[in-house]
């Protein structure tokens, strides 16, 4: 149950995206068609972030903790200082997982 009730933010975003794709895009031409497609893609990205963001954030925090760092700034500092040089495979695995998570929101077609 949400304080704001139904429809949820995710449902509203989905409805607008579907309207753009189903009703606006087919009749749009030129610049308007391009901007409609961009808007629909932005909304699809927001939908994915709402759906996956909390789980991805928790996984990201767990990955950083596995390296003994508290946040992205500390992770970057540890890499720059050479503190994690002897853990290259672990660092690469964390970065790869983070990139995959980001891509699964930004554009899932780019994820291996």
N, C-alpha and C. Protein backbone atom coordinates (compact mmCIF):
# COMPACT_ATOMS: atom_id res chain seq x y z
N UNK A 1 0.85 -1.18 0.00
CA UNK A 1 0.00 0.00 0.00
C UNK A 1 0.89 1.23 0.00
N UNK A 2 0.56 2.18 -0.81
CA UNK A 2 1.33 3.41 -0.94
C UNK A 2 0.54 4.58 -0.37
N UNK A 3 1.24 5.52 0.21
CA UNK A 3 0.61 6.74 0.70
C UNK A 3 -0.16 7.44 -0.41
N UNK A 4 0.38 7.39 -1.61
CA UNK A 4 -0.21 8.11 -2.75
C UNK A 4 -1.24 7.30 -3.50
N UNK A 5 -1.44 6.05 -3.11
CA UNK A 5 -2.48 5.24 -3.73
C UNK A 5 -2.19 4.86 -5.17
N UNK A 6 -3.26 4.57 -5.86
CA UNK A 6 -3.16 4.10 -7.23
C UNK A 6 -3.71 5.17 -8.17
N UNK A 7 -3.14 5.38 -9.30
CA UNK A 7 -2.00 4.65 -9.87
C UNK A 7 -0.68 5.11 -9.25
N UNK A 8 0.26 4.17 -9.22
CA UNK A 8 1.59 4.47 -8.69
C UNK A 8 2.39 5.28 -9.70
N UNK A 9 3.52 5.79 -9.27
CA UNK A 9 4.41 6.52 -10.19
C UNK A 9 4.79 5.64 -11.37
N UNK A 10 5.12 4.39 -11.08
CA UNK A 10 5.51 3.47 -12.15
C UNK A 10 4.37 3.26 -13.14
N UNK A 11 3.15 3.14 -12.63
CA UNK A 11 1.99 2.94 -13.50
C UNK A 11 1.72 4.18 -14.35
N UNK A 12 1.88 5.35 -13.78
CA UNK A 12 1.69 6.59 -14.54
C UNK A 12 2.73 6.72 -15.64
N UNK A 13 3.97 6.42 -15.32
CA UNK A 13 5.03 6.50 -16.32
C UNK A 13 4.77 5.51 -17.44
N UNK A 14 4.38 4.30 -17.08
CA UNK A 14 4.08 3.29 -18.09
C UNK A 14 2.93 3.75 -19.00
N UNK A 15 1.90 4.33 -18.42
CA UNK A 15 0.76 4.78 -19.21
C UNK A 15 1.16 5.87 -20.20
N UNK A 16 1.98 6.82 -19.77
CA UNK A 16 2.42 7.88 -20.68
C UNK A 16 3.31 7.32 -21.77
N UNK A 17 4.23 6.41 -21.40
CA UNK A 17 5.10 5.80 -22.41
C UNK A 17 4.28 5.05 -23.44
N UNK A 18 3.34 4.25 -22.98
CA UNK A 18 2.51 3.49 -23.91
C UNK A 18 1.69 4.41 -24.81
N UNK A 19 1.17 5.50 -24.27
CA UNK A 19 0.41 6.46 -25.08
C UNK A 19 1.30 7.06 -26.16
N UNK A 20 2.52 7.44 -25.78
CA UNK A 20 3.45 7.99 -26.77
C UNK A 20 3.73 6.98 -27.88
N UNK A 21 4.02 5.75 -27.49
CA UNK A 21 4.37 4.73 -28.47
C UNK A 21 3.17 4.32 -29.34
N UNK A 22 2.02 4.21 -28.74
CA UNK A 22 0.84 3.68 -29.44
C UNK A 22 0.07 4.75 -30.21
N UNK A 23 -0.07 5.95 -29.62
CA UNK A 23 -0.95 6.96 -30.21
C UNK A 23 -0.21 8.13 -30.88
N UNK A 24 0.86 8.56 -30.27
CA UNK A 24 1.55 9.75 -30.79
C UNK A 24 2.56 9.39 -31.87
N UNK A 25 3.43 8.42 -31.60
CA UNK A 25 4.51 8.08 -32.51
C UNK A 25 4.04 7.71 -33.92
N UNK A 26 3.02 6.89 -34.07
CA UNK A 26 2.61 6.50 -35.43
C UNK A 26 2.17 7.68 -36.31
N UNK A 27 1.64 8.74 -35.69
CA UNK A 27 1.18 9.87 -36.49
C UNK A 27 2.18 11.03 -36.53
N UNK A 28 3.26 10.89 -35.79
CA UNK A 28 4.25 11.97 -35.76
C UNK A 28 5.21 11.84 -36.94
N UNK A 29 5.76 12.98 -37.35
CA UNK A 29 6.72 13.00 -38.45
C UNK A 29 7.91 13.87 -38.08
N UNK A 30 9.03 13.60 -38.73
CA UNK A 30 10.21 14.43 -38.60
C UNK A 30 10.67 14.63 -37.17
N UNK A 31 10.90 15.88 -36.85
CA UNK A 31 11.43 16.25 -35.53
C UNK A 31 10.52 15.78 -34.40
N UNK A 32 9.21 15.91 -34.57
CA UNK A 32 8.26 15.47 -33.53
C UNK A 32 8.36 13.96 -33.31
N UNK A 33 8.53 13.21 -34.39
CA UNK A 33 8.68 11.75 -34.27
C UNK A 33 9.94 11.42 -33.49
N UNK A 34 11.03 12.08 -33.80
CA UNK A 34 12.29 11.85 -33.09
C UNK A 34 12.13 12.16 -31.61
N UNK A 35 11.57 13.31 -31.27
CA UNK A 35 11.41 13.71 -29.87
C UNK A 35 10.44 12.80 -29.13
N UNK A 36 9.42 12.30 -29.81
CA UNK A 36 8.49 11.36 -29.19
C UNK A 36 9.21 10.06 -28.86
N UNK A 37 10.02 9.59 -29.78
CA UNK A 37 10.79 8.37 -29.53
C UNK A 37 11.76 8.56 -28.37
N UNK A 38 12.43 9.70 -28.32
CA UNK A 38 13.34 10.00 -27.21
C UNK A 38 12.57 10.02 -25.88
N UNK A 39 11.43 10.67 -25.85
CA UNK A 39 10.63 10.74 -24.63
C UNK A 39 10.19 9.35 -24.18
N UNK A 40 9.75 8.52 -25.11
CA UNK A 40 9.34 7.16 -24.77
C UNK A 40 10.51 6.36 -24.22
N UNK A 41 11.69 6.53 -24.80
CA UNK A 41 12.88 5.83 -24.32
C UNK A 41 13.26 6.30 -22.92
N UNK A 42 13.16 7.59 -22.65
CA UNK A 42 13.46 8.12 -21.33
C UNK A 42 12.50 7.51 -20.30
N UNK A 43 11.24 7.47 -20.64
CA UNK A 43 10.26 6.90 -19.71
C UNK A 43 10.52 5.41 -19.48
N UNK A 44 10.92 4.69 -20.50
CA UNK A 44 11.24 3.27 -20.34
C UNK A 44 12.44 3.10 -19.41
N UNK A 45 13.42 3.99 -19.51
CA UNK A 45 14.58 3.95 -18.63
C UNK A 45 14.16 4.20 -17.18
N UNK A 46 13.31 5.18 -16.96
CA UNK A 46 12.82 5.48 -15.62
C UNK A 46 12.03 4.29 -15.06
N UNK A 47 11.23 3.66 -15.90
CA UNK A 47 10.49 2.46 -15.47
C UNK A 47 11.45 1.39 -14.97
N UNK A 48 12.51 1.13 -15.74
CA UNK A 48 13.47 0.09 -15.34
C UNK A 48 14.19 0.48 -14.05
N UNK A 49 14.54 1.75 -13.92
CA UNK A 49 15.22 2.18 -12.70
C UNK A 49 14.31 2.03 -11.48
N UNK A 50 13.05 2.39 -11.62
CA UNK A 50 12.10 2.21 -10.51
C UNK A 50 11.94 0.73 -10.16
N UNK A 51 11.92 -0.12 -11.16
CA UNK A 51 11.72 -1.55 -10.93
C UNK A 51 12.94 -2.24 -10.34
N UNK A 52 14.14 -1.81 -10.73
CA UNK A 52 15.35 -2.53 -10.34
C UNK A 52 16.27 -1.75 -9.40
N UNK A 53 16.04 -0.46 -9.25
CA UNK A 53 16.98 0.40 -8.56
C UNK A 53 17.31 0.00 -7.14
N UNK A 54 16.31 -0.33 -6.34
CA UNK A 54 16.58 -0.67 -4.94
C UNK A 54 17.43 -1.93 -4.82
N UNK A 55 17.11 -2.94 -5.61
CA UNK A 55 17.87 -4.19 -5.58
C UNK A 55 19.30 -3.94 -6.07
N UNK A 56 19.43 -3.15 -7.14
CA UNK A 56 20.76 -2.86 -7.66
C UNK A 56 21.59 -2.05 -6.67
N UNK A 57 20.97 -1.08 -6.01
CA UNK A 57 21.70 -0.28 -5.00
C UNK A 57 22.20 -1.16 -3.86
N UNK A 58 21.37 -2.08 -3.39
CA UNK A 58 21.77 -2.98 -2.31
C UNK A 58 22.92 -3.89 -2.77
N UNK A 59 22.83 -4.39 -3.99
CA UNK A 59 23.90 -5.24 -4.52
C UNK A 59 25.20 -4.45 -4.67
N UNK A 60 25.09 -3.19 -5.12
CA UNK A 60 26.27 -2.33 -5.26
C UNK A 60 26.94 -2.12 -3.90
N UNK A 61 26.13 -1.79 -2.89
CA UNK A 61 26.69 -1.60 -1.54
C UNK A 61 27.38 -2.87 -1.04
N UNK A 62 26.77 -4.02 -1.29
CA UNK A 62 27.37 -5.29 -0.86
C UNK A 62 28.69 -5.55 -1.59
N UNK A 63 28.73 -5.22 -2.87
CA UNK A 63 29.98 -5.41 -3.62
C UNK A 63 31.09 -4.51 -3.06
N UNK A 64 30.75 -3.26 -2.76
CA UNK A 64 31.75 -2.36 -2.19
C UNK A 64 32.21 -2.86 -0.83
N UNK A 65 31.27 -3.30 -0.01
CA UNK A 65 31.63 -3.83 1.31
C UNK A 65 32.56 -5.02 1.20
N UNK A 66 32.37 -5.85 0.17
CA UNK A 66 33.23 -7.02 -0.01
C UNK A 66 34.68 -6.62 -0.26
N UNK A 67 34.87 -5.39 -0.74
CA UNK A 67 36.22 -4.86 -0.95
C UNK A 67 36.71 -4.03 0.23
N UNK A 68 35.83 -3.85 1.21
CA UNK A 68 36.21 -3.09 2.40
C UNK A 68 36.14 -1.59 2.23
N UNK A 69 35.31 -1.13 1.31
CA UNK A 69 35.13 0.32 1.11
C UNK A 69 33.67 0.67 1.36
N UNK A 70 33.45 1.91 1.81
CA UNK A 70 32.12 2.32 2.23
C UNK A 70 31.27 2.89 1.10
N UNK A 71 31.92 3.52 0.10
CA UNK A 71 31.15 4.18 -0.95
C UNK A 71 32.00 4.34 -2.20
N UNK A 72 31.42 4.94 -3.24
CA UNK A 72 32.13 5.09 -4.51
C UNK A 72 33.38 5.95 -4.39
N UNK A 73 33.30 6.99 -3.58
CA UNK A 73 34.46 7.88 -3.41
C UNK A 73 35.62 7.12 -2.78
N UNK A 74 35.32 6.32 -1.77
CA UNK A 74 36.38 5.54 -1.12
C UNK A 74 36.91 4.46 -2.06
N UNK A 75 36.04 3.89 -2.87
CA UNK A 75 36.45 2.90 -3.86
C UNK A 75 37.44 3.52 -4.85
N UNK A 76 37.08 4.69 -5.37
CA UNK A 76 37.96 5.39 -6.32
C UNK A 76 39.30 5.73 -5.66
N UNK A 77 39.25 6.21 -4.43
CA UNK A 77 40.49 6.54 -3.71
C UNK A 77 41.36 5.31 -3.53
N UNK A 78 40.75 4.17 -3.17
CA UNK A 78 41.50 2.94 -2.97
C UNK A 78 42.13 2.45 -4.27
N UNK A 79 41.44 2.62 -5.37
CA UNK A 79 42.00 2.23 -6.68
C UNK A 79 43.17 3.15 -7.02
N UNK A 80 42.94 4.48 -6.89
CA UNK A 80 44.02 5.43 -7.22
C UNK A 80 45.26 5.24 -6.37
N UNK A 81 45.09 4.91 -5.12
CA UNK A 81 46.23 4.78 -4.21
C UNK A 81 46.97 3.46 -4.38
N UNK A 82 46.38 2.51 -5.11
CA UNK A 82 47.00 1.21 -5.29
C UNK A 82 46.65 0.23 -4.19
N UNK A 83 45.80 0.64 -3.29
CA UNK A 83 45.41 -0.19 -2.15
C UNK A 83 44.76 -1.51 -2.57
N UNK A 84 44.14 -1.52 -3.72
CA UNK A 84 43.44 -2.72 -4.19
C UNK A 84 44.18 -3.42 -5.34
N UNK A 85 45.42 -3.03 -5.59
CA UNK A 85 46.16 -3.61 -6.72
C UNK A 85 46.27 -5.14 -6.63
N UNK A 86 46.36 -5.67 -5.43
CA UNK A 86 46.50 -7.11 -5.27
C UNK A 86 45.15 -7.84 -5.35
N UNK A 87 44.10 -7.09 -5.59
CA UNK A 87 42.74 -7.67 -5.69
C UNK A 87 42.11 -7.33 -7.04
N UNK A 88 42.94 -7.30 -8.07
CA UNK A 88 42.50 -6.87 -9.40
C UNK A 88 41.26 -7.62 -9.88
N UNK A 89 41.25 -8.94 -9.76
CA UNK A 89 40.10 -9.72 -10.25
C UNK A 89 38.82 -9.35 -9.52
N UNK A 90 38.91 -9.10 -8.21
CA UNK A 90 37.73 -8.71 -7.45
C UNK A 90 37.25 -7.32 -7.86
N UNK A 91 38.19 -6.40 -8.04
CA UNK A 91 37.84 -5.03 -8.46
C UNK A 91 37.18 -5.07 -9.83
N UNK A 92 37.76 -5.81 -10.75
CA UNK A 92 37.19 -5.93 -12.09
C UNK A 92 35.79 -6.52 -12.03
N UNK A 93 35.59 -7.51 -11.18
CA UNK A 93 34.28 -8.14 -11.04
C UNK A 93 33.24 -7.15 -10.50
N UNK A 94 33.63 -6.33 -9.54
CA UNK A 94 32.72 -5.32 -8.98
C UNK A 94 32.36 -4.30 -10.06
N UNK A 95 33.36 -3.81 -10.76
CA UNK A 95 33.12 -2.81 -11.80
C UNK A 95 32.24 -3.39 -12.91
N UNK A 96 32.53 -4.61 -13.30
CA UNK A 96 31.73 -5.26 -14.36
C UNK A 96 30.27 -5.41 -13.94
N UNK A 97 30.04 -5.85 -12.70
CA UNK A 97 28.67 -6.02 -12.21
C UNK A 97 27.95 -4.68 -12.16
N UNK A 98 28.66 -3.62 -11.73
CA UNK A 98 28.06 -2.29 -11.69
C UNK A 98 27.70 -1.80 -13.09
N UNK A 99 28.59 -2.01 -14.03
CA UNK A 99 28.32 -1.59 -15.42
C UNK A 99 27.14 -2.37 -15.98
N UNK A 100 27.10 -3.67 -15.73
CA UNK A 100 25.96 -4.47 -16.21
C UNK A 100 24.65 -3.97 -15.62
N UNK A 101 24.66 -3.64 -14.32
CA UNK A 101 23.44 -3.12 -13.69
C UNK A 101 23.03 -1.79 -14.32
N UNK A 102 23.99 -0.92 -14.54
CA UNK A 102 23.67 0.38 -15.16
C UNK A 102 23.11 0.20 -16.56
N UNK A 103 23.73 -0.69 -17.33
CA UNK A 103 23.26 -0.93 -18.69
C UNK A 103 21.89 -1.58 -18.72
N UNK A 104 21.61 -2.43 -17.74
CA UNK A 104 20.29 -3.08 -17.73
C UNK A 104 19.18 -2.06 -17.51
N UNK A 105 19.52 -0.90 -16.96
CA UNK A 105 18.55 0.19 -16.82
C UNK A 105 18.61 1.10 -18.04
N UNK A 106 19.81 1.53 -18.41
CA UNK A 106 19.96 2.50 -19.50
C UNK A 106 19.56 1.92 -20.84
N UNK A 107 20.03 0.70 -21.14
CA UNK A 107 19.70 0.06 -22.41
C UNK A 107 20.02 -1.43 -22.30
N UNK A 108 19.03 -2.23 -21.92
CA UNK A 108 19.26 -3.66 -21.69
C UNK A 108 19.83 -4.42 -22.89
N UNK A 109 19.67 -3.89 -24.08
CA UNK A 109 20.21 -4.56 -25.26
C UNK A 109 21.73 -4.60 -25.24
N UNK A 110 22.38 -3.75 -24.45
CA UNK A 110 23.84 -3.71 -24.40
C UNK A 110 24.43 -4.67 -23.39
N UNK A 111 23.62 -5.32 -22.57
CA UNK A 111 24.12 -6.26 -21.56
C UNK A 111 24.38 -7.59 -22.23
N UNK A 112 25.56 -8.15 -21.93
CA UNK A 112 25.93 -9.47 -22.51
C UNK A 112 24.92 -10.52 -22.19
